Amino acid sequence: MVATLALLGSALLTLAIGFLGGRHDHRRLLLAASALMAGTGLAYAAASDYAILLLVAFVGTINPSGGSTSVFVPLEHTVLSGAVAAVERTRAFARYSLIGALAGALGALAAATPDWIAPAGVSRLDAIRIMFAAYAMLGILGGLAYWCIPVPPRQPQARRRPSLGPSRGIVYRLAALFSIDSFAGGFVVQSLLALWLFERFELSLTAASVFFFWTGVLSAFSFPVAAWIGARIGLVNTMVFTHIPSSLCLIGAAFAPSIEWALGLLLVRAALSQMDVPTRSSYVMAVVTEDERPAAASITAVPRSLAAAASPVLAGALFASGYQIWPLLFCGGLKILYDLMLLAAFRNIRPPEEQS
């Protein structure tokens, strides 16, 4: 329920930010989002009631997975797209994703903090409260980074369009396809995958944090590789032909006879499954006009959040009923279906740098 409400609240907030982004200063909105992140961390650190946790999950910035679904995404993508030339856009998104994924990997490693400080007499609950306070501090540090973004010159009111124009059809089709991908991914968000490893192989919290650190590292360094491949075979082909093998690895992990096989297949999946992140972001920004970018980033992100919000509850019900491998199978199978549909629909719609 916490994961579902967090994704649902993130979707609604991302939708609002996407449309506000066409009329308001992106820097100011990013600062407001950072303040909300800091408030979320402090609220979780202080909360002791389940209902309050659900409320904060809905209105705050907690993300139950390591993915790119958050209120910051449409604003950051718009700022980044406007700062680089078209031929450099995918490489810029790859560097952006690389830095974020490495930071996420370090965060996964820090998830073992309760075990590390237990010998000092700190209870697990108090240690987790400290971690949420650290989350709030990171929100403040993020705000300081956003503060350094140059203030853009004031644009004429006529150019401040919050909605889509000529690219509406492309964006809506992409949003529909991305929602299939995210609905599938919601069956195996990082927190649920950790739960599967805990129950299936009795993996410890410390071992899980180390494993997710390395999955984050592999995902991070796959982003520059994705940019290199995308420059040679195209963004859509890169998304599809790296994604399908990763889904097959996830399905294989569901039937793995040992922890070594399961973790090995999941590590291979980690090295492949996120290559579509910088290429997808770059592709969306490339096939719309500059004025449409905030709304396009939001509209393609929000259905992903809404779709991903539905599947964790279903996965939890399957876990509780003893069908522990089915979330992995649903995830892998639906993602392969998404890849084939994406290739069929968009293989001939190319960004400007691929048309020369």
Foldseek 3Di string as FASTA:
>chain_A
DLQLLLLQLQLVLLLVLLLVVLPDFLLVVLLVLLQLQLVLLLQVLPDDDPVSSSVSSNNGFDHLFLDDRGSNFLSVLLVLVVVDDLLCQLVSLLLVLLVSLLVVLVVLLCQCVQVVCVVVVQHSSNSVSVVSNVSSVVSVVSSVVSVPPDGDPDDPPVLSGSAADPCVVVLLVLLVLLLLLLLLCLLPGPVLVVVLCCVVAVDDSNRRSNLSSLLSNLLSVLSNVLSVVCLPQHLLCSQQVLQLQLLVLLLVLLVDPHPVSNSVSNSSSSNRNNSNPSSVSSFQCQLGDSSNSSNSRSSSSSSSSNSSSPNNVVSVVCVVVVNNSVSSVSSSVSSNVSSVVSCVPPVPPHGPVVPD
